[in-house]
Amino acid sequence: MQALPRKRKKVDKRGRVKENGMEITVNGQKRLYDGPGTVQGLLAFLGIHPGTVVVEVNRRIVPQNQRENEMIGEGDTIEIVRLVRGG
């Protein structure tokens, strides 16, 4: 019987072992994210309707028509701002 390959543990710059996934910061909170590495994938993972928010990655606004192709990487900072109508 062949042994299953062992998952490699990720270690951050300080030598701390991390779970699977990449560490990103979303609205000021650090979190591990192992989903599709695009802005659109992150919104789906978080259950956020993409038409109701503005997304910024590393201080740069990502237009709605580019979210499917905009990749998220280890250490990125993402800000998600919900649009509200009213007067």
N, C-alpha and C. Protein backbone atom coordinates (compact mmCIF):
# COMPACT_ATOMS: atom_id res chain seq x y z
N MET A 1 0.85 -1.18 0.00
CA MET A 1 0.00 0.00 0.00
C MET A 1 0.89 1.24 0.00
N GLN A 2 0.58 2.16 -0.89
CA GLN A 2 1.39 3.36 -1.02
C GLN A 2 0.92 4.42 -0.02
N ALA A 3 1.88 5.08 0.62
CA ALA A 3 1.55 6.11 1.60
C ALA A 3 1.03 7.35 0.90
N LEU A 4 0.07 8.02 1.54
CA LEU A 4 -0.44 9.27 1.00
C LEU A 4 0.59 10.37 1.21
N PRO A 5 0.70 11.29 0.26
CA PRO A 5 1.65 12.38 0.45
C PRO A 5 1.23 13.26 1.62
N ARG A 6 2.21 13.71 2.38
CA ARG A 6 1.92 14.56 3.52
C ARG A 6 1.80 16.00 3.05
N LYS A 7 0.85 16.72 3.63
CA LYS A 7 0.70 18.13 3.30
C LYS A 7 1.84 18.89 3.95
N ARG A 8 2.42 19.79 3.19
CA ARG A 8 3.48 20.63 3.74
C ARG A 8 2.86 21.72 4.58
N LYS A 9 3.47 22.00 5.69
CA LYS A 9 3.01 23.10 6.52
C LYS A 9 3.68 24.36 6.03
N LYS A 10 2.90 25.42 5.97
CA LYS A 10 3.45 26.71 5.58
C LYS A 10 3.98 27.41 6.82
N VAL A 11 5.09 28.08 6.65
CA VAL A 11 5.69 28.82 7.75
C VAL A 11 5.82 30.27 7.32
N ASP A 12 5.37 31.19 8.19
CA ASP A 12 5.46 32.61 7.82
C ASP A 12 6.86 33.14 8.12
N LYS A 13 7.04 34.44 7.89
CA LYS A 13 8.36 35.06 8.05
C LYS A 13 8.89 34.98 9.48
N ARG A 14 7.99 34.84 10.43
CA ARG A 14 8.40 34.76 11.84
C ARG A 14 8.57 33.32 12.32
N GLY A 15 8.43 32.37 11.41
CA GLY A 15 8.61 30.97 11.76
C GLY A 15 7.39 30.30 12.35
N ARG A 16 6.24 30.97 12.28
CA ARG A 16 5.01 30.38 12.81
C ARG A 16 4.38 29.48 11.75
N VAL A 17 3.88 28.34 12.17
CA VAL A 17 3.23 27.41 11.24
C VAL A 17 1.83 27.92 10.96
N LYS A 18 1.46 27.92 9.67
CA LYS A 18 0.14 28.36 9.25
C LYS A 18 -0.65 27.18 8.73
N GLU A 19 -1.95 27.32 8.76
CA GLU A 19 -2.83 26.31 8.17
C GLU A 19 -2.74 26.45 6.65
N ASN A 20 -3.45 25.57 5.94
CA ASN A 20 -3.51 25.70 4.49
C ASN A 20 -4.13 27.03 4.13
N GLY A 21 -3.74 27.57 3.01
CA GLY A 21 -4.29 28.83 2.55
C GLY A 21 -3.28 29.95 2.66
N MET A 22 -3.66 31.09 2.10
CA MET A 22 -2.78 32.25 2.16
C MET A 22 -3.33 33.22 3.19
N GLU A 23 -2.43 33.94 3.80
CA GLU A 23 -2.86 34.93 4.77
C GLU A 23 -3.08 36.26 4.05
N ILE A 24 -4.30 36.78 4.19
CA ILE A 24 -4.64 38.07 3.62
C ILE A 24 -5.30 38.90 4.71
N THR A 25 -5.43 40.19 4.48
CA THR A 25 -6.13 41.07 5.41
C THR A 25 -7.36 41.60 4.70
N VAL A 26 -8.53 41.37 5.30
CA VAL A 26 -9.79 41.84 4.73
C VAL A 26 -10.43 42.80 5.72
N ASN A 27 -10.59 44.04 5.29
CA ASN A 27 -11.18 45.08 6.13
C ASN A 27 -10.51 45.14 7.51
N GLY A 28 -9.20 45.06 7.50
CA GLY A 28 -8.42 45.20 8.73
C GLY A 28 -8.25 43.93 9.55
N GLN A 29 -8.86 42.83 9.13
CA GLN A 29 -8.74 41.58 9.88
C GLN A 29 -7.95 40.55 9.09
N LYS A 30 -6.92 39.98 9.72
CA LYS A 30 -6.13 38.94 9.07
C LYS A 30 -6.96 37.66 9.03
N ARG A 31 -6.87 36.96 7.90
CA ARG A 31 -7.58 35.68 7.78
C ARG A 31 -6.85 34.79 6.80
N LEU A 32 -7.08 33.50 6.94
CA LEU A 32 -6.55 32.53 5.98
C LEU A 32 -7.60 32.30 4.92
N TYR A 33 -7.17 32.30 3.67
CA TYR A 33 -8.09 32.11 2.56
C TYR A 33 -7.52 31.07 1.62
N ASP A 34 -8.30 30.02 1.36
CA ASP A 34 -7.84 28.90 0.54
C ASP A 34 -8.70 28.72 -0.70
N GLY A 35 -9.52 29.72 -0.99
CA GLY A 35 -10.45 29.59 -2.11
C GLY A 35 -9.83 30.05 -3.41
N PRO A 36 -10.69 30.27 -4.41
CA PRO A 36 -10.18 30.78 -5.69
C PRO A 36 -9.43 32.08 -5.48
N GLY A 37 -8.27 32.19 -6.06
CA GLY A 37 -7.39 33.32 -5.81
C GLY A 37 -7.71 34.58 -6.57
N THR A 38 -8.99 34.84 -6.82
CA THR A 38 -9.38 36.07 -7.51
C THR A 38 -10.27 36.90 -6.59
N VAL A 39 -10.42 38.17 -6.92
CA VAL A 39 -11.31 39.04 -6.15
C VAL A 39 -12.73 38.49 -6.23
N GLN A 40 -13.17 38.08 -7.41
CA GLN A 40 -14.51 37.52 -7.58
C GLN A 40 -14.70 36.28 -6.71
N GLY A 41 -13.69 35.42 -6.67
CA GLY A 41 -13.76 34.21 -5.83
C GLY A 41 -13.85 34.54 -4.36
N LEU A 42 -13.12 35.55 -3.92
CA LEU A 42 -13.17 35.96 -2.51
C LEU A 42 -14.56 36.49 -2.16
N LEU A 43 -15.13 37.31 -3.04
CA LEU A 43 -16.48 37.82 -2.77
C LEU A 43 -17.49 36.68 -2.66
N ALA A 44 -17.40 35.71 -3.56
CA ALA A 44 -18.30 34.55 -3.51
C ALA A 44 -18.10 33.77 -2.22
N PHE A 45 -16.85 33.56 -1.82
CA PHE A 45 -16.53 32.84 -0.60
C PHE A 45 -17.13 33.54 0.63
N LEU A 46 -17.09 34.87 0.61
CA LEU A 46 -17.62 35.66 1.73
C LEU A 46 -19.13 35.85 1.65
N GLY A 47 -19.75 35.42 0.54
CA GLY A 47 -21.19 35.55 0.38
C GLY A 47 -21.62 36.98 0.10
N ILE A 48 -20.78 37.74 -0.56
CA ILE A 48 -21.06 39.14 -0.85
C ILE A 48 -21.45 39.29 -2.32
N HIS A 49 -22.60 39.92 -2.57
CA HIS A 49 -23.04 40.17 -3.94
C HIS A 49 -22.09 41.19 -4.56
N PRO A 50 -21.45 40.86 -5.67
CA PRO A 50 -20.42 41.73 -6.24
C PRO A 50 -20.91 43.09 -6.73
N GLY A 51 -22.19 43.21 -7.03
CA GLY A 51 -22.72 44.47 -7.53
C GLY A 51 -22.95 45.51 -6.44
N THR A 52 -22.81 45.11 -5.19
CA THR A 52 -23.13 46.03 -4.08
C THR A 52 -21.90 46.57 -3.37
N VAL A 53 -20.71 46.28 -3.89
CA VAL A 53 -19.49 46.69 -3.18
C VAL A 53 -18.45 47.29 -4.12
N VAL A 54 -17.55 48.04 -3.52
CA VAL A 54 -16.33 48.50 -4.18
C VAL A 54 -15.20 47.73 -3.50
N VAL A 55 -14.26 47.22 -4.30
CA VAL A 55 -13.16 46.42 -3.75
C VAL A 55 -11.84 47.10 -4.08
N GLU A 56 -11.01 47.17 -3.05
CA GLU A 56 -9.68 47.74 -3.19
C GLU A 56 -8.67 46.67 -2.79
N VAL A 57 -7.67 46.44 -3.63
CA VAL A 57 -6.60 45.49 -3.31
C VAL A 57 -5.30 46.28 -3.26
N ASN A 58 -4.66 46.25 -2.11
CA ASN A 58 -3.40 46.97 -1.90
C ASN A 58 -3.52 48.44 -2.33
N ARG A 59 -4.60 49.07 -1.86
CA ARG A 59 -4.85 50.51 -2.06
C ARG A 59 -5.15 50.88 -3.51
N ARG A 60 -5.58 49.90 -4.32
CA ARG A 60 -5.95 50.15 -5.70
C ARG A 60 -7.34 49.59 -5.95
N ILE A 61 -8.25 50.45 -6.41
CA ILE A 61 -9.63 50.01 -6.68
C ILE A 61 -9.63 49.07 -7.88
N VAL A 62 -10.33 47.95 -7.73
CA VAL A 62 -10.46 46.96 -8.81
C VAL A 62 -11.82 47.16 -9.47
N PRO A 63 -11.85 47.57 -10.73
CA PRO A 63 -13.13 47.74 -11.43
C PRO A 63 -13.90 46.43 -11.50
N GLN A 64 -15.24 46.54 -11.50
CA GLN A 64 -16.08 45.34 -11.52
C GLN A 64 -15.74 44.41 -12.67
N ASN A 65 -15.45 44.96 -13.83
CA ASN A 65 -15.20 44.11 -14.99
C ASN A 65 -13.82 43.43 -14.96
N GLN A 66 -13.02 43.70 -13.95
CA GLN A 66 -11.70 43.07 -13.83
C GLN A 66 -11.59 42.13 -12.63
N ARG A 67 -12.64 41.99 -11.86
CA ARG A 67 -12.59 41.18 -10.63
C ARG A 67 -12.35 39.70 -10.88
N GLU A 68 -12.84 39.18 -12.00
CA GLU A 68 -12.63 37.76 -12.30
C GLU A 68 -11.18 37.44 -12.59
N ASN A 69 -10.44 38.42 -13.07
CA ASN A 69 -9.04 38.21 -13.46
C ASN A 69 -8.04 38.77 -12.46
N GLU A 70 -8.51 39.55 -11.49
CA GLU A 70 -7.61 40.17 -10.51
C GLU A 70 -7.24 39.14 -9.44
N MET A 71 -5.97 38.75 -9.43
CA MET A 71 -5.51 37.72 -8.50
C MET A 71 -5.21 38.31 -7.12
N ILE A 72 -5.46 37.49 -6.11
CA ILE A 72 -5.13 37.83 -4.72
C ILE A 72 -3.93 36.99 -4.33
N GLY A 73 -2.98 37.60 -3.66
CA GLY A 73 -1.78 36.87 -3.26
C GLY A 73 -1.53 36.95 -1.77
N GLU A 74 -0.61 36.14 -1.32
CA GLU A 74 -0.18 36.10 0.08
C GLU A 74 0.17 37.51 0.55
N GLY A 75 -0.40 37.91 1.68
CA GLY A 75 -0.08 39.19 2.28
C GLY A 75 -0.85 40.38 1.74
N ASP A 76 -1.74 40.16 0.76
CA ASP A 76 -2.50 41.28 0.19
C ASP A 76 -3.45 41.86 1.23
N THR A 77 -3.73 43.15 1.06
CA THR A 77 -4.71 43.84 1.89
C THR A 77 -5.90 44.20 1.02
N ILE A 78 -7.08 43.72 1.42
CA ILE A 78 -8.30 43.92 0.65
C ILE A 78 -9.27 44.72 1.50
N GLU A 79 -9.82 45.76 0.92
CA GLU A 79 -10.88 46.53 1.57
C GLU A 79 -12.14 46.36 0.74
N ILE A 80 -13.23 46.01 1.41
CA ILE A 80 -14.51 45.83 0.74
C ILE A 80 -15.48 46.83 1.35
N VAL A 81 -15.99 47.74 0.52
CA VAL A 81 -16.90 48.79 0.99
C VAL A 81 -18.26 48.56 0.36
N ARG A 82 -19.27 48.44 1.20
CA ARG A 82 -20.63 48.20 0.71
C ARG A 82 -21.28 49.53 0.34
N LEU A 83 -21.91 49.56 -0.83
CA LEU A 83 -22.59 50.75 -1.30
C LEU A 83 -24.01 50.77 -0.71
N VAL A 84 -24.42 51.94 -0.22
CA VAL A 84 -25.73 52.09 0.40
C VAL A 84 -26.45 53.24 -0.27
N ARG A 85 -27.69 53.00 -0.66
CA ARG A 85 -28.49 54.07 -1.27
C ARG A 85 -29.30 54.76 -0.19
N GLY A 86 -29.62 55.96 -0.45
CA GLY A 86 -30.46 56.69 0.51
C GLY A 86 -30.20 58.17 0.43
N GLY A 87 -30.89 58.87 1.27
CA GLY A 87 -30.73 60.31 1.22
C GLY A 87 -30.70 60.94 2.56
